[in-house]
């Protein structure tokens, strides 16, 4: 089975990414991996407390991401396409390429 990686950032463009990935998956009998990469904020500070806040920000973003990914998963699955989600923290470009390699993705729809 072919695998399609569909990185989403929950912007309005994500709808087009999901629609295109779903069409391609349907045509190829492929599976979709919906990926969201949480990018930690860059903080330049000498104060340790700021770093704790960064962890809280990332945790909140991961929680929100899980909710959005679950809704997207349901929407695509309702169309009869095998779909799963993946969430990661890091640099979007590097993480997308890393997950594509790990998942042995045949296509990346962006």
N, C-alpha and C. Protein backbone atom coordinates (compact mmCIF):
# COMPACT_ATOMS: atom_id res chain seq x y z
N UNK A 1 0.84 -1.18 0.00
CA UNK A 1 0.00 0.00 0.00
C UNK A 1 0.89 1.24 0.00
N UNK A 2 0.51 2.20 -0.80
CA UNK A 2 1.22 3.48 -0.87
C UNK A 2 0.88 4.32 0.37
N UNK A 3 1.81 5.19 0.73
CA UNK A 3 1.60 6.06 1.87
C UNK A 3 1.82 7.51 1.45
N UNK A 4 0.87 8.36 1.85
CA UNK A 4 0.92 9.79 1.53
C UNK A 4 1.06 10.56 2.83
N UNK A 5 2.09 11.39 2.91
CA UNK A 5 2.27 12.26 4.06
C UNK A 5 1.62 13.60 3.75
N UNK A 6 0.74 14.04 4.64
CA UNK A 6 0.06 15.32 4.47
C UNK A 6 0.33 16.19 5.68
N UNK A 7 1.40 17.01 5.63
CA UNK A 7 1.68 17.92 6.73
C UNK A 7 0.64 19.04 6.76
N UNK A 8 0.09 19.31 7.94
CA UNK A 8 -0.93 20.34 8.08
C UNK A 8 -0.54 21.29 9.20
N UNK A 9 -0.89 22.56 9.01
CA UNK A 9 -0.60 23.56 10.03
C UNK A 9 -1.88 24.20 10.57
N UNK A 10 -3.02 23.66 10.16
CA UNK A 10 -4.34 24.10 10.60
C UNK A 10 -4.74 25.46 10.05
N UNK A 11 -4.01 25.96 9.06
CA UNK A 11 -4.41 27.18 8.38
C UNK A 11 -5.48 26.81 7.35
N UNK A 12 -6.00 27.80 6.65
CA UNK A 12 -7.00 27.52 5.62
C UNK A 12 -6.41 26.68 4.48
N UNK A 13 -5.10 26.75 4.29
CA UNK A 13 -4.45 25.95 3.24
C UNK A 13 -4.49 24.47 3.56
N UNK A 14 -4.63 24.13 4.82
CA UNK A 14 -4.67 22.72 5.22
C UNK A 14 -5.85 21.99 4.59
N UNK A 15 -6.95 22.71 4.37
CA UNK A 15 -8.12 22.09 3.74
C UNK A 15 -7.77 21.62 2.34
N UNK A 16 -7.05 22.42 1.59
CA UNK A 16 -6.63 22.03 0.24
C UNK A 16 -5.66 20.85 0.28
N UNK A 17 -4.77 20.86 1.25
CA UNK A 17 -3.82 19.74 1.40
C UNK A 17 -4.59 18.44 1.65
N UNK A 18 -5.54 18.50 2.56
CA UNK A 18 -6.32 17.30 2.90
C UNK A 18 -7.15 16.85 1.70
N UNK A 19 -7.79 17.78 1.00
CA UNK A 19 -8.60 17.42 -0.16
C UNK A 19 -7.74 16.75 -1.24
N UNK A 20 -6.58 17.33 -1.52
CA UNK A 20 -5.69 16.77 -2.54
C UNK A 20 -5.16 15.40 -2.11
N UNK A 21 -4.74 15.28 -0.86
CA UNK A 21 -4.24 13.99 -0.36
C UNK A 21 -5.34 12.93 -0.41
N UNK A 22 -6.56 13.32 -0.08
CA UNK A 22 -7.68 12.37 -0.11
C UNK A 22 -7.97 11.91 -1.53
N UNK A 23 -7.97 12.82 -2.48
CA UNK A 23 -8.18 12.45 -3.89
C UNK A 23 -7.09 11.49 -4.36
N UNK A 24 -5.84 11.80 -4.04
CA UNK A 24 -4.73 10.96 -4.45
C UNK A 24 -4.81 9.59 -3.78
N UNK A 25 -5.13 9.58 -2.50
CA UNK A 25 -5.25 8.32 -1.76
C UNK A 25 -6.36 7.45 -2.33
N UNK A 26 -7.45 8.07 -2.69
CA UNK A 26 -8.57 7.32 -3.28
C UNK A 26 -8.16 6.71 -4.62
N UNK A 27 -7.48 7.49 -5.43
CA UNK A 27 -7.05 7.01 -6.76
C UNK A 27 -6.02 5.89 -6.66
N UNK A 28 -5.17 5.95 -5.63
CA UNK A 28 -4.08 4.98 -5.51
C UNK A 28 -4.33 3.89 -4.47
N UNK A 29 -5.50 3.93 -3.83
CA UNK A 29 -5.77 3.04 -2.70
C UNK A 29 -4.66 3.15 -1.66
N UNK A 30 -4.34 4.39 -1.32
CA UNK A 30 -3.23 4.67 -0.42
C UNK A 30 -3.73 5.07 0.96
N UNK A 31 -2.81 5.09 1.89
CA UNK A 31 -3.06 5.53 3.25
C UNK A 31 -2.51 6.93 3.42
N UNK A 32 -3.19 7.75 4.23
CA UNK A 32 -2.72 9.10 4.51
C UNK A 32 -2.21 9.18 5.95
N UNK A 33 -1.06 9.82 6.11
CA UNK A 33 -0.54 10.15 7.43
C UNK A 33 -0.65 11.66 7.57
N UNK A 34 -1.55 12.11 8.43
CA UNK A 34 -1.69 13.54 8.71
C UNK A 34 -0.65 13.91 9.75
N UNK A 35 0.20 14.86 9.42
CA UNK A 35 1.29 15.26 10.31
C UNK A 35 1.16 16.73 10.70
N UNK A 36 1.30 16.98 11.99
CA UNK A 36 1.42 18.36 12.44
C UNK A 36 2.71 18.47 13.24
N UNK A 37 3.49 19.50 12.92
CA UNK A 37 4.75 19.76 13.62
C UNK A 37 4.56 21.00 14.49
N UNK A 38 4.71 20.80 15.79
CA UNK A 38 4.66 21.92 16.73
C UNK A 38 6.06 22.52 16.77
N UNK A 39 6.14 23.80 16.46
CA UNK A 39 7.42 24.49 16.47
C UNK A 39 7.55 25.26 17.77
N UNK A 40 8.54 24.89 18.60
CA UNK A 40 8.71 25.62 19.85
C UNK A 40 9.11 27.07 19.58
N UNK A 41 8.63 27.99 20.40
CA UNK A 41 9.03 29.38 20.21
C UNK A 41 10.51 29.55 20.51
N UNK A 42 11.13 30.50 19.85
CA UNK A 42 12.53 30.80 20.10
C UNK A 42 12.57 31.90 21.16
N UNK A 43 13.21 31.58 22.26
CA UNK A 43 13.28 32.53 23.37
C UNK A 43 14.73 32.77 23.72
N UNK A 44 15.13 34.03 23.68
CA UNK A 44 16.49 34.40 24.08
C UNK A 44 16.39 35.15 25.40
N UNK A 45 16.73 34.44 26.47
CA UNK A 45 16.63 35.05 27.78
C UNK A 45 17.63 34.41 28.73
N UNK A 46 18.01 35.14 29.73
CA UNK A 46 18.91 34.62 30.75
C UNK A 46 18.14 34.01 31.91
N UNK A 47 16.83 34.10 31.89
CA UNK A 47 16.01 33.67 33.01
C UNK A 47 15.46 32.27 32.79
N UNK A 48 15.70 31.40 33.73
CA UNK A 48 15.24 30.02 33.64
C UNK A 48 13.74 29.89 33.61
N UNK A 49 13.01 30.79 34.26
CA UNK A 49 11.56 30.71 34.30
C UNK A 49 10.94 30.81 32.91
N UNK A 50 11.59 31.53 32.04
CA UNK A 50 11.08 31.65 30.68
C UNK A 50 11.07 30.28 30.01
N UNK A 51 12.09 29.48 30.27
CA UNK A 51 12.16 28.15 29.67
C UNK A 51 11.01 27.26 30.14
N UNK A 52 10.59 27.42 31.39
CA UNK A 52 9.43 26.67 31.87
C UNK A 52 8.19 27.09 31.09
N UNK A 53 8.06 28.37 30.80
CA UNK A 53 6.92 28.85 30.04
C UNK A 53 6.94 28.28 28.62
N UNK A 54 8.12 28.11 28.06
CA UNK A 54 8.22 27.53 26.72
C UNK A 54 7.66 26.11 26.74
N UNK A 55 8.00 25.35 27.77
CA UNK A 55 7.48 23.99 27.89
C UNK A 55 5.96 24.00 27.98
N UNK A 56 5.43 24.95 28.71
CA UNK A 56 3.97 25.07 28.83
C UNK A 56 3.34 25.43 27.49
N UNK A 57 3.99 26.30 26.75
CA UNK A 57 3.48 26.71 25.44
C UNK A 57 3.47 25.51 24.49
N UNK A 58 4.54 24.75 24.49
CA UNK A 58 4.62 23.56 23.62
C UNK A 58 3.56 22.54 24.03
N UNK A 59 3.39 22.32 25.32
CA UNK A 59 2.38 21.37 25.80
C UNK A 59 0.98 21.79 25.37
N UNK A 60 0.69 23.09 25.48
CA UNK A 60 -0.63 23.59 25.07
C UNK A 60 -0.82 23.43 23.56
N UNK A 61 0.23 23.69 22.80
CA UNK A 61 0.15 23.53 21.34
C UNK A 61 -0.05 22.07 20.97
N UNK A 62 0.60 21.16 21.66
CA UNK A 62 0.42 19.73 21.40
C UNK A 62 -1.01 19.28 21.71
N UNK A 63 -1.55 19.80 22.79
CA UNK A 63 -2.93 19.45 23.16
C UNK A 63 -3.91 19.94 22.10
N UNK A 64 -3.74 21.19 21.67
CA UNK A 64 -4.62 21.74 20.63
C UNK A 64 -4.44 20.99 19.33
N UNK A 65 -3.22 20.62 19.02
CA UNK A 65 -2.92 19.87 17.79
C UNK A 65 -3.65 18.54 17.78
N UNK A 66 -3.66 17.87 18.92
CA UNK A 66 -4.34 16.58 19.01
C UNK A 66 -5.82 16.72 18.69
N UNK A 67 -6.44 17.76 19.18
CA UNK A 67 -7.86 18.01 18.92
C UNK A 67 -8.09 18.23 17.42
N UNK A 68 -7.28 19.10 16.81
CA UNK A 68 -7.44 19.39 15.37
C UNK A 68 -7.16 18.15 14.52
N UNK A 69 -6.11 17.43 14.84
CA UNK A 69 -5.77 16.23 14.06
C UNK A 69 -6.88 15.18 14.16
N UNK A 70 -7.49 15.05 15.32
CA UNK A 70 -8.57 14.07 15.50
C UNK A 70 -9.76 14.43 14.61
N UNK A 71 -10.08 15.71 14.53
CA UNK A 71 -11.18 16.15 13.66
C UNK A 71 -10.85 15.88 12.19
N UNK A 72 -9.62 16.18 11.79
CA UNK A 72 -9.20 15.95 10.40
C UNK A 72 -9.21 14.45 10.09
N UNK A 73 -8.73 13.66 11.02
CA UNK A 73 -8.72 12.21 10.85
C UNK A 73 -10.13 11.69 10.60
N UNK A 74 -11.06 12.14 11.42
CA UNK A 74 -12.45 11.70 11.27
C UNK A 74 -13.02 12.10 9.92
N UNK A 75 -12.73 13.33 9.49
CA UNK A 75 -13.23 13.82 8.21
C UNK A 75 -12.73 12.98 7.04
N UNK A 76 -11.45 12.66 7.04
CA UNK A 76 -10.88 11.86 5.95
C UNK A 76 -11.34 10.41 6.04
N UNK A 77 -11.35 9.87 7.24
CA UNK A 77 -11.79 8.48 7.43
C UNK A 77 -13.24 8.29 6.99
N UNK A 78 -14.07 9.31 7.22
CA UNK A 78 -15.47 9.24 6.80
C UNK A 78 -15.61 9.11 5.28
N UNK A 79 -14.55 9.46 4.55
CA UNK A 79 -14.58 9.34 3.09
C UNK A 79 -14.04 7.98 2.63
N UNK A 80 -13.77 7.11 3.59
CA UNK A 80 -13.34 5.77 3.27
C UNK A 80 -11.85 5.61 3.02
N UNK A 81 -11.06 6.58 3.43
CA UNK A 81 -9.62 6.54 3.21
C UNK A 81 -8.94 6.17 4.53
N UNK A 82 -8.07 5.17 4.47
CA UNK A 82 -7.31 4.78 5.66
C UNK A 82 -6.40 5.94 6.03
N UNK A 83 -6.52 6.39 7.29
CA UNK A 83 -5.81 7.58 7.74
C UNK A 83 -5.33 7.39 9.16
N UNK A 84 -4.17 7.96 9.45
CA UNK A 84 -3.69 8.01 10.82
C UNK A 84 -2.99 9.35 11.02
N UNK A 85 -2.71 9.67 12.27
CA UNK A 85 -2.10 10.96 12.56
C UNK A 85 -0.73 10.77 13.20
N UNK A 86 0.06 11.81 13.06
CA UNK A 86 1.38 11.84 13.68
C UNK A 86 1.63 13.28 14.10
N UNK A 87 2.17 13.43 15.29
CA UNK A 87 2.48 14.76 15.81
C UNK A 87 3.92 14.75 16.29
N UNK A 88 4.63 15.84 16.01
CA UNK A 88 6.03 15.93 16.42
C UNK A 88 6.34 17.37 16.82
N UNK A 89 7.44 17.53 17.52
CA UNK A 89 7.91 18.85 17.93
C UNK A 89 9.27 19.07 17.29
N UNK A 90 9.44 20.22 16.63
CA UNK A 90 10.73 20.52 16.03
C UNK A 90 10.62 21.50 14.89
N UNK A 91 11.65 21.50 14.06
CA UNK A 91 11.68 22.34 12.86
C UNK A 91 10.80 21.68 11.80
N UNK A 92 9.84 22.41 11.23
CA UNK A 92 8.93 21.79 10.27
C UNK A 92 9.60 21.08 9.10
N UNK A 93 10.53 21.73 8.42
CA UNK A 93 11.15 21.13 7.24
C UNK A 93 11.89 19.84 7.60
N UNK A 94 12.74 19.92 8.60
CA UNK A 94 13.51 18.75 9.01
C UNK A 94 12.60 17.63 9.49
N UNK A 95 11.58 17.98 10.26
CA UNK A 95 10.68 16.97 10.81
C UNK A 95 9.84 16.31 9.72
N UNK A 96 9.36 17.09 8.78
CA UNK A 96 8.57 16.52 7.68
C UNK A 96 9.43 15.51 6.91
N UNK A 97 10.66 15.88 6.60
CA UNK A 97 11.54 14.96 5.86
C UNK A 97 11.87 13.72 6.69
N UNK A 98 12.08 13.91 7.97
CA UNK A 98 12.38 12.77 8.85
C UNK A 98 11.20 11.81 8.93
N UNK A 99 10.01 12.32 9.13
CA UNK A 99 8.82 11.47 9.23
C UNK A 99 8.54 10.80 7.89
N UNK A 100 8.73 11.51 6.80
CA UNK A 100 8.54 10.92 5.47
C UNK A 100 9.45 9.71 5.29
N UNK A 101 10.69 9.83 5.75
CA UNK A 101 11.64 8.71 5.64
C UNK A 101 11.24 7.57 6.58
N UNK A 102 10.93 7.90 7.82
CA UNK A 102 10.55 6.88 8.80
C UNK A 102 9.32 6.10 8.38
N UNK A 103 8.35 6.79 7.80
CA UNK A 103 7.09 6.17 7.39
C UNK A 103 7.16 5.58 5.98
N UNK A 104 8.30 5.72 5.33
CA UNK A 104 8.49 5.25 3.96
C UNK A 104 7.38 5.79 3.04
N UNK A 105 7.16 7.10 3.14
CA UNK A 105 6.10 7.74 2.35
C UNK A 105 6.47 7.78 0.87
N UNK A 106 5.48 7.51 0.05
CA UNK A 106 5.65 7.56 -1.38
C UNK A 106 5.43 8.97 -1.93
N UNK A 107 4.58 9.72 -1.23
CA UNK A 107 4.24 11.08 -1.67
C UNK A 107 4.13 11.99 -0.45
N UNK A 108 4.42 13.27 -0.68
CA UNK A 108 4.18 14.30 0.32
C UNK A 108 3.30 15.34 -0.36
N UNK A 109 2.14 15.59 0.22
CA UNK A 109 1.21 16.58 -0.34
C UNK A 109 1.25 17.81 0.56
N UNK A 110 1.64 18.94 -0.04
CA UNK A 110 1.73 20.18 0.75
C UNK A 110 1.00 21.30 0.02
